[in-house]
N, C-alpha and C. Protein backbone atom coordinates (compact mmCIF):
# COMPACT_ATOMS: atom_id res chain seq x y z
N MET A 1 10.55 5.18 -8.82
CA MET A 1 10.00 5.84 -9.88
C MET A 1 8.40 5.86 -9.85
N ARG A 2 7.97 6.93 -10.03
CA ARG A 2 6.35 6.68 -10.56
C ARG A 2 6.25 7.03 -11.78
N THR A 3 5.22 6.37 -12.23
CA THR A 3 4.66 6.28 -13.50
C THR A 3 3.87 7.56 -13.84
N ALA A 4 3.62 8.06 -14.93
CA ALA A 4 2.80 8.97 -15.56
C ALA A 4 1.16 9.05 -14.81
N MET A 5 0.83 7.53 -15.00
CA MET A 5 -0.62 7.42 -14.24
C MET A 5 -0.52 7.64 -13.06
N GLU A 6 0.35 7.43 -12.23
CA GLU A 6 0.73 7.38 -10.77
C GLU A 6 0.31 8.78 -10.38
N THR A 7 1.25 9.50 -11.00
CA THR A 7 1.16 11.09 -10.72
C THR A 7 -0.01 12.14 -11.49
N ALA A 8 -0.99 11.52 -12.30
CA ALA A 8 -1.73 12.33 -12.86
C ALA A 8 -3.13 11.95 -11.93
N PRO A 9 -3.46 13.17 -11.58
CA PRO A 9 -4.96 12.73 -10.91
C PRO A 9 -6.02 12.24 -11.22
N VAL A 10 -6.59 11.44 -10.41
CA VAL A 10 -7.94 10.69 -10.94
C VAL A 10 -9.13 11.29 -10.70
N GLN A 11 -9.92 11.33 -11.98
CA GLN A 11 -11.40 12.39 -11.93
C GLN A 11 -12.27 11.14 -12.50
N THR A 12 -12.96 11.32 -11.86
CA THR A 12 -14.27 10.16 -12.17
C THR A 12 -15.33 11.35 -12.83
N ALA A 13 -16.28 10.76 -13.58
CA ALA A 13 -17.15 11.63 -14.18
C ALA A 13 -18.08 12.09 -13.25
N GLU A 14 -18.77 11.45 -12.55
CA GLU A 14 -19.61 12.31 -11.55
C GLU A 14 -18.69 12.52 -10.13
N LEU A 15 -19.43 13.17 -9.17
CA LEU A 15 -19.24 13.53 -8.08
C LEU A 15 -18.86 12.55 -7.31
N PRO A 16 -18.65 12.53 -5.98
CA PRO A 16 -19.20 11.85 -5.11
C PRO A 16 -20.42 12.24 -4.17
N THR A 17 -21.24 11.36 -4.11
CA THR A 17 -22.64 11.62 -3.43
C THR A 17 -22.85 11.30 -1.82
N THR A 18 -21.74 10.58 -1.11
CA THR A 18 -21.55 10.36 -0.02
C THR A 18 -21.67 11.22 0.99
N PRO A 19 -22.30 11.87 1.73
CA PRO A 19 -21.73 12.76 2.53
C PRO A 19 -20.81 12.84 3.31
N CYS A 20 -19.90 13.89 3.50
CA CYS A 20 -18.63 14.08 4.21
C CYS A 20 -17.32 13.62 3.16
N SER A 21 -17.76 13.39 1.81
CA SER A 21 -16.71 12.78 0.81
C SER A 21 -15.81 14.36 0.64
N VAL A 22 -15.03 13.93 0.42
CA VAL A 22 -13.82 15.01 0.08
C VAL A 22 -13.21 15.20 -1.49
N VAL A 23 -13.49 16.36 -2.21
CA VAL A 23 -12.63 16.67 -3.19
C VAL A 23 -11.82 17.87 -3.09
N TRP A 24 -11.13 18.05 -4.04
CA TRP A 24 -10.07 18.99 -4.32
C TRP A 24 -10.14 19.84 -5.68
N SER A 25 -10.33 21.23 -5.45
CA SER A 25 -10.80 21.61 -6.62
C SER A 25 -9.77 23.10 -6.35
N ARG A 26 -8.97 23.72 -7.18
CA ARG A 26 -7.80 24.76 -7.35
C ARG A 26 -7.21 24.99 -6.20
N GLY A 27 -6.74 23.85 -5.77
CA GLY A 27 -5.61 23.33 -4.57
C GLY A 27 -6.38 23.88 -3.44
N HIS A 28 -8.06 23.52 -2.99
CA HIS A 28 -8.50 23.50 -1.85
C HIS A 28 -9.47 22.20 -1.44
N ALA A 29 -9.58 21.95 -0.18
CA ALA A 29 -10.44 21.01 -0.27
C ALA A 29 -11.69 21.36 0.03
N TYR A 30 -12.59 20.24 -0.52
CA TYR A 30 -14.11 20.87 -0.43
C TYR A 30 -14.69 19.45 0.16
N VAL A 31 -15.77 19.96 1.31
CA VAL A 31 -16.28 18.67 1.87
C VAL A 31 -17.87 18.68 1.28
N LEU A 32 -18.62 17.50 0.76
CA LEU A 32 -20.06 17.41 0.91
C LEU A 32 -20.92 17.53 1.86
N GLU A 33 -21.51 18.84 2.04
CA GLU A 33 -22.43 18.99 3.08
C GLU A 33 -23.58 18.19 2.78
N GLY A 34 -23.87 16.58 3.28
CA GLY A 34 -25.20 16.14 2.88
C GLY A 34 -26.29 16.64 3.07
N PHE A 35 -26.93 17.06 4.08
CA PHE A 35 -28.35 17.76 4.28
C PHE A 35 -28.50 19.06 3.25
N ARG A 36 -27.72 19.37 2.74
CA ARG A 36 -27.95 20.77 1.85
C ARG A 36 -27.41 20.42 0.44
N ALA A 37 -26.42 19.39 0.24
CA ALA A 37 -26.07 18.79 -1.14
C ALA A 37 -25.26 20.02 -2.03
N ARG A 38 -24.54 20.92 -0.86
CA ARG A 38 -23.39 21.53 -1.12
C ARG A 38 -22.07 21.36 -1.19
N TRP A 39 -20.99 21.82 -1.60
CA TRP A 39 -19.65 21.59 -1.22
C TRP A 39 -19.18 22.92 -0.76
N VAL A 40 -18.69 22.21 0.79
CA VAL A 40 -18.21 23.33 1.58
C VAL A 40 -16.52 23.50 1.57
N GLY A 41 -15.98 24.62 1.42
CA GLY A 41 -14.81 24.46 1.70
C GLY A 41 -14.13 26.20 2.13
N ARG A 42 -13.05 26.42 1.74
CA ARG A 42 -12.50 27.57 2.06
C ARG A 42 -11.61 28.64 1.20
N ASP A 43 -12.08 29.85 1.11
CA ASP A 43 -11.34 30.55 -0.06
C ASP A 43 -9.92 30.48 0.14
N ASP A 44 -9.05 31.35 -0.73
CA ASP A 44 -7.58 31.73 -0.59
C ASP A 44 -7.36 32.70 0.36
N ARG A 45 -8.46 33.28 1.49
CA ARG A 45 -7.96 34.11 2.38
C ARG A 45 -8.64 33.59 3.63
N GLY A 46 -9.06 32.06 3.80
CA GLY A 46 -9.71 31.32 4.98
C GLY A 46 -11.37 31.44 5.12
N ARG A 47 -11.61 32.51 4.13
CA ARG A 47 -13.44 32.50 4.79
C ARG A 47 -13.77 31.22 3.96
N PRO A 48 -15.06 30.65 4.76
CA PRO A 48 -16.13 29.71 4.25
C PRO A 48 -16.54 29.92 2.91
N HIS A 49 -16.47 28.92 2.17
CA HIS A 49 -16.94 28.78 0.83
C HIS A 49 -17.87 27.81 0.40
N ALA A 50 -18.89 28.02 -0.10
CA ALA A 50 -19.97 27.10 -0.67
C ALA A 50 -20.03 27.19 -2.11
N ILE A 51 -20.32 25.83 -3.01
CA ILE A 51 -20.53 25.96 -4.16
C ILE A 51 -21.48 24.69 -4.60
N THR A 52 -22.16 24.61 -5.52
CA THR A 52 -22.81 23.46 -6.05
C THR A 52 -22.04 22.49 -6.50
N GLY A 53 -23.19 21.12 -6.92
CA GLY A 53 -22.21 20.32 -7.54
C GLY A 53 -22.02 20.72 -8.82
N ALA A 54 -22.65 21.64 -9.60
CA ALA A 54 -22.84 21.78 -11.05
C ALA A 54 -21.50 22.90 -11.02
N GLU A 55 -21.55 24.12 -10.09
CA GLU A 55 -20.32 24.55 -9.88
C GLU A 55 -18.97 23.89 -9.89
N MET A 56 -18.96 22.76 -9.15
CA MET A 56 -17.74 22.19 -8.59
C MET A 56 -17.46 21.32 -9.97
N GLN A 57 -17.99 21.15 -10.85
CA GLN A 57 -18.12 20.46 -11.85
C GLN A 57 -17.58 21.29 -13.14
N ARG A 58 -17.84 22.41 -13.29
CA ARG A 58 -17.39 23.42 -14.04
C ARG A 58 -15.99 23.99 -13.76
N ARG A 59 -15.58 24.21 -12.24
CA ARG A 59 -14.35 24.35 -12.08
C ARG A 59 -13.24 23.55 -12.41
N GLY A 60 -13.51 22.02 -12.16
CA GLY A 60 -12.95 21.02 -12.57
C GLY A 60 -12.66 20.21 -11.19
N TRP A 61 -12.06 19.08 -10.72
CA TRP A 61 -12.01 18.75 -9.21
C TRP A 61 -11.39 17.67 -9.30
N THR A 62 -10.88 16.89 -8.46
CA THR A 62 -9.97 15.56 -8.37
C THR A 62 -9.96 15.04 -7.11
N LEU A 63 -10.25 13.61 -6.75
CA LEU A 63 -10.07 13.20 -5.81
C LEU A 63 -8.86 13.18 -4.59
N THR A 64 -8.05 13.46 -5.47
CA THR A 64 -6.42 13.40 -4.70
C THR A 64 -6.04 15.22 -4.68
N ARG A 65 -5.12 15.34 -3.72
CA ARG A 65 -4.42 16.84 -3.65
C ARG A 65 -3.49 16.87 -4.96
N THR A 66 -3.34 17.99 -5.57
CA THR A 66 -2.44 18.02 -6.59
C THR A 66 -1.33 19.32 -6.29
N ALA A 67 -0.11 18.96 -6.91
CA ALA A 67 0.65 20.44 -6.70
C ALA A 67 -0.06 21.79 -7.35
């Protein structure tokens, strides 16, 4: 049996800063592109999508995929 703490997404106050770090936002994985300091992923239609760290903070993110 899983506790509420185990099933709740864990979110730190700061986004990861290591290149190739992965975070999840709105059901999509985003990878930190180190040389440009932007988060790159795919939108709902599979098209490439890049956002800034500030936008990622506004959207909300987790280190683990959620349902």
